[in-house]
N, C-alpha and C. Protein backbone atom coordinates (compact mmCIF):
# COMPACT_ATOMS: atom_id res chain seq x y z
N MET A 1 39.71 -103.13 28.09
CA MET A 1 39.77 -101.84 28.74
C MET A 1 40.06 -102.05 30.22
N ALA A 2 40.98 -101.25 30.73
CA ALA A 2 41.35 -101.34 32.14
C ALA A 2 40.25 -100.77 33.02
N ARG A 3 40.11 -101.36 34.20
CA ARG A 3 39.11 -100.85 35.15
C ARG A 3 39.59 -99.57 35.82
N ILE A 4 40.90 -99.38 35.85
CA ILE A 4 41.50 -98.18 36.44
C ILE A 4 42.26 -97.47 35.34
N ASP A 5 42.02 -96.20 35.18
CA ASP A 5 42.71 -95.43 34.14
C ASP A 5 44.18 -95.24 34.51
N GLY A 6 45.02 -95.33 33.50
CA GLY A 6 46.44 -95.04 33.69
C GLY A 6 46.67 -93.54 33.66
N VAL A 7 47.91 -93.16 33.78
CA VAL A 7 48.28 -91.74 33.79
C VAL A 7 48.38 -91.20 32.38
N ASP A 8 48.35 -89.89 32.28
CA ASP A 8 48.69 -89.21 31.04
C ASP A 8 50.22 -89.06 31.07
N PRO A 9 50.94 -89.70 30.17
CA PRO A 9 52.40 -89.65 30.21
C PRO A 9 52.97 -88.23 30.26
N GLU A 10 52.28 -87.28 29.67
CA GLU A 10 52.76 -85.89 29.66
C GLU A 10 52.69 -85.24 31.05
N LYS A 11 51.93 -85.83 31.95
CA LYS A 11 51.74 -85.23 33.28
C LYS A 11 52.49 -86.00 34.37
N THR A 12 53.47 -86.81 33.98
CA THR A 12 54.24 -87.58 34.96
C THR A 12 55.59 -86.93 35.19
N GLU A 13 56.25 -87.38 36.25
CA GLU A 13 57.59 -86.85 36.52
C GLU A 13 58.54 -87.27 35.41
N ARG A 14 59.63 -86.56 35.29
CA ARG A 14 60.57 -86.73 34.18
C ARG A 14 61.06 -88.17 34.02
N ARG A 15 61.45 -88.84 35.10
CA ARG A 15 61.99 -90.20 34.99
C ARG A 15 60.93 -91.18 34.48
N VAL A 16 59.72 -91.05 34.97
CA VAL A 16 58.63 -91.92 34.53
C VAL A 16 58.32 -91.64 33.07
N ARG A 17 58.21 -90.37 32.72
CA ARG A 17 57.91 -89.98 31.35
C ARG A 17 58.97 -90.50 30.38
N SER A 18 60.22 -90.45 30.79
CA SER A 18 61.32 -90.94 29.95
C SER A 18 61.16 -92.43 29.67
N ALA A 19 60.80 -93.21 30.69
CA ALA A 19 60.61 -94.66 30.51
C ALA A 19 59.41 -94.93 29.60
N LEU A 20 58.33 -94.18 29.79
CA LEU A 20 57.14 -94.37 28.96
C LEU A 20 57.42 -93.98 27.51
N GLU A 21 58.21 -92.94 27.31
CA GLU A 21 58.58 -92.54 25.95
C GLU A 21 59.43 -93.62 25.27
N ALA A 22 60.33 -94.24 26.04
CA ALA A 22 61.16 -95.31 25.48
C ALA A 22 60.28 -96.50 25.07
N GLN A 23 59.27 -96.81 25.87
CA GLN A 23 58.35 -97.88 25.52
C GLN A 23 57.58 -97.52 24.24
N ALA A 24 57.16 -96.28 24.15
CA ALA A 24 56.41 -95.85 22.96
C ALA A 24 57.29 -95.97 21.71
N GLU A 25 58.54 -95.64 21.85
CA GLU A 25 59.46 -95.73 20.72
C GLU A 25 59.68 -97.19 20.30
N LYS A 26 59.77 -98.08 21.29
CA LYS A 26 60.05 -99.49 21.00
C LYS A 26 58.80 -100.25 20.56
N TRP A 27 57.64 -99.99 21.22
CA TRP A 27 56.45 -100.79 20.96
C TRP A 27 55.27 -100.02 20.38
N GLY A 28 55.48 -98.74 20.09
CA GLY A 28 54.42 -97.95 19.48
C GLY A 28 53.51 -97.27 20.48
N GLY A 29 53.73 -97.47 21.75
CA GLY A 29 52.95 -96.82 22.80
C GLY A 29 53.41 -97.33 24.15
N PRO A 30 53.16 -96.56 25.20
CA PRO A 30 53.54 -97.03 26.53
C PRO A 30 52.74 -98.29 26.89
N LEU A 31 53.36 -99.18 27.63
CA LEU A 31 52.68 -100.39 28.05
C LEU A 31 51.59 -100.04 29.07
N LEU A 32 50.42 -100.62 28.89
CA LEU A 32 49.27 -100.26 29.72
C LEU A 32 49.52 -100.53 31.21
N ASN A 33 50.20 -101.64 31.52
CA ASN A 33 50.46 -101.89 32.94
C ASN A 33 51.37 -100.83 33.54
N HIS A 34 52.30 -100.31 32.74
CA HIS A 34 53.18 -99.27 33.25
C HIS A 34 52.45 -97.94 33.43
N LEU A 35 51.45 -97.69 32.59
CA LEU A 35 50.63 -96.48 32.80
C LEU A 35 49.88 -96.57 34.12
N LEU A 36 49.50 -97.78 34.48
CA LEU A 36 48.82 -97.98 35.77
C LEU A 36 49.81 -97.84 36.92
N TYR A 37 50.98 -98.51 36.81
CA TYR A 37 52.00 -98.39 37.85
C TYR A 37 52.38 -96.93 38.08
N ALA A 38 52.40 -96.14 37.00
CA ALA A 38 52.86 -94.75 37.08
C ALA A 38 51.93 -93.86 37.90
N ARG A 39 50.75 -94.38 38.26
CA ARG A 39 49.88 -93.61 39.16
C ARG A 39 50.58 -93.38 40.50
N ARG A 40 51.48 -94.30 40.84
CA ARG A 40 52.31 -94.18 42.05
C ARG A 40 53.76 -94.37 41.62
N PRO A 41 54.51 -93.27 41.48
CA PRO A 41 55.89 -93.37 40.97
C PRO A 41 56.77 -94.35 41.74
N THR A 42 56.57 -94.50 43.04
CA THR A 42 57.39 -95.45 43.79
C THR A 42 57.12 -96.88 43.33
N ILE A 43 55.87 -97.20 43.04
CA ILE A 43 55.53 -98.52 42.54
C ILE A 43 56.09 -98.70 41.13
N PHE A 44 55.99 -97.67 40.32
CA PHE A 44 56.55 -97.71 38.96
C PHE A 44 58.04 -98.01 39.02
N ARG A 45 58.77 -97.29 39.87
CA ARG A 45 60.21 -97.50 39.96
C ARG A 45 60.53 -98.91 40.45
N GLY A 46 59.72 -99.43 41.38
CA GLY A 46 59.93 -100.79 41.87
C GLY A 46 59.73 -101.83 40.79
N ALA A 47 58.67 -101.68 40.00
CA ALA A 47 58.41 -102.62 38.91
C ALA A 47 59.53 -102.55 37.87
N ARG A 48 59.94 -101.34 37.53
CA ARG A 48 61.03 -101.18 36.56
C ARG A 48 62.33 -101.77 37.10
N ALA A 49 62.57 -101.59 38.41
CA ALA A 49 63.79 -102.13 39.02
C ALA A 49 63.80 -103.66 38.94
N MET A 50 62.63 -104.28 39.13
CA MET A 50 62.56 -105.73 39.04
C MET A 50 62.96 -106.19 37.64
N TRP A 51 62.38 -105.57 36.60
CA TRP A 51 62.70 -105.98 35.22
C TRP A 51 64.16 -105.67 34.89
N SER A 52 64.66 -104.55 35.36
CA SER A 52 66.07 -104.20 35.12
C SER A 52 66.98 -105.20 35.81
N GLY A 53 66.62 -105.59 37.04
CA GLY A 53 67.42 -106.58 37.77
C GLY A 53 67.43 -107.92 37.08
N LEU A 54 66.27 -108.35 36.58
CA LEU A 54 66.22 -109.62 35.85
C LEU A 54 67.08 -109.56 34.59
N ASP A 55 67.01 -108.44 33.89
CA ASP A 55 67.82 -108.28 32.69
C ASP A 55 69.31 -108.31 33.02
N ALA A 56 69.69 -107.58 34.07
CA ALA A 56 71.10 -107.47 34.44
C ALA A 56 71.66 -108.76 35.03
N SER A 57 70.82 -109.58 35.64
CA SER A 57 71.31 -110.79 36.31
C SER A 57 71.87 -111.81 35.33
N GLY A 58 71.35 -111.82 34.12
CA GLY A 58 71.79 -112.80 33.15
C GLY A 58 71.24 -114.19 33.42
N LEU A 59 70.36 -114.32 34.40
CA LEU A 59 69.81 -115.63 34.75
C LEU A 59 68.78 -116.13 33.75
N LEU A 60 68.13 -115.19 33.09
CA LEU A 60 67.11 -115.56 32.11
C LEU A 60 67.57 -115.16 30.71
N ASP A 61 67.52 -116.10 29.81
CA ASP A 61 67.87 -115.81 28.43
C ASP A 61 66.85 -114.82 27.87
N PRO A 62 67.30 -113.74 27.23
CA PRO A 62 66.36 -112.75 26.70
C PRO A 62 65.29 -113.35 25.78
N ARG A 63 65.64 -114.41 25.07
CA ARG A 63 64.64 -115.06 24.20
C ARG A 63 63.54 -115.71 25.02
N LEU A 64 63.91 -116.28 26.17
CA LEU A 64 62.91 -116.87 27.06
C LEU A 64 62.01 -115.80 27.64
N VAL A 65 62.59 -114.67 28.03
CA VAL A 65 61.79 -113.57 28.55
C VAL A 65 60.79 -113.10 27.50
N ALA A 66 61.23 -112.99 26.26
CA ALA A 66 60.34 -112.57 25.18
C ALA A 66 59.20 -113.56 24.99
N LEU A 67 59.51 -114.85 25.05
CA LEU A 67 58.47 -115.88 24.90
C LEU A 67 57.47 -115.82 26.05
N VAL A 68 57.97 -115.66 27.26
CA VAL A 68 57.08 -115.58 28.43
C VAL A 68 56.19 -114.35 28.32
N ASN A 69 56.76 -113.21 27.93
CA ASN A 69 55.97 -111.99 27.78
C ASN A 69 54.86 -112.17 26.75
N ARG A 70 55.18 -112.81 25.65
CA ARG A 70 54.17 -113.04 24.60
C ARG A 70 53.09 -114.00 25.08
N ARG A 71 53.48 -115.02 25.83
CA ARG A 71 52.49 -115.97 26.34
C ARG A 71 51.55 -115.31 27.34
N VAL A 72 52.11 -114.52 28.24
CA VAL A 72 51.28 -113.81 29.21
C VAL A 72 50.35 -112.83 28.49
N ALA A 73 50.87 -112.14 27.49
CA ALA A 73 50.04 -111.21 26.73
C ALA A 73 48.88 -111.96 26.07
N ALA A 74 49.17 -113.11 25.49
CA ALA A 74 48.12 -113.90 24.84
C ALA A 74 47.08 -114.37 25.85
N LEU A 75 47.52 -114.81 27.01
CA LEU A 75 46.58 -115.24 28.05
C LEU A 75 45.70 -114.10 28.53
N ASN A 76 46.22 -112.88 28.47
CA ASN A 76 45.46 -111.70 28.89
C ASN A 76 44.65 -111.09 27.76
N GLY A 77 44.70 -111.71 26.58
CA GLY A 77 43.93 -111.19 25.45
C GLY A 77 44.57 -110.01 24.76
N CYS A 78 45.84 -109.79 25.00
CA CYS A 78 46.57 -108.69 24.38
C CYS A 78 47.02 -109.13 22.99
N VAL A 79 46.88 -108.28 22.01
CA VAL A 79 47.30 -108.63 20.65
C VAL A 79 48.79 -108.46 20.43
N PHE A 80 49.50 -107.98 21.41
CA PHE A 80 50.97 -107.78 21.43
C PHE A 80 51.51 -107.49 20.10
């Protein structure tokens, strides 16, 4: 359980809500860290921009990104 509550996706601005809905469609629910970032839309957009930039750069193989995400999730006790 997070020490700080995330946002209610229904009460966020349209762009944030759209990203959270896409996460829910892909993973069955919005990612908890993104619900926290969404408390401040500017921080949310910055975090999303970082991931979008990494994806667009082509510097990291998508399979490596997936492995790193799973490892970090496991270290954090997430059942991913």
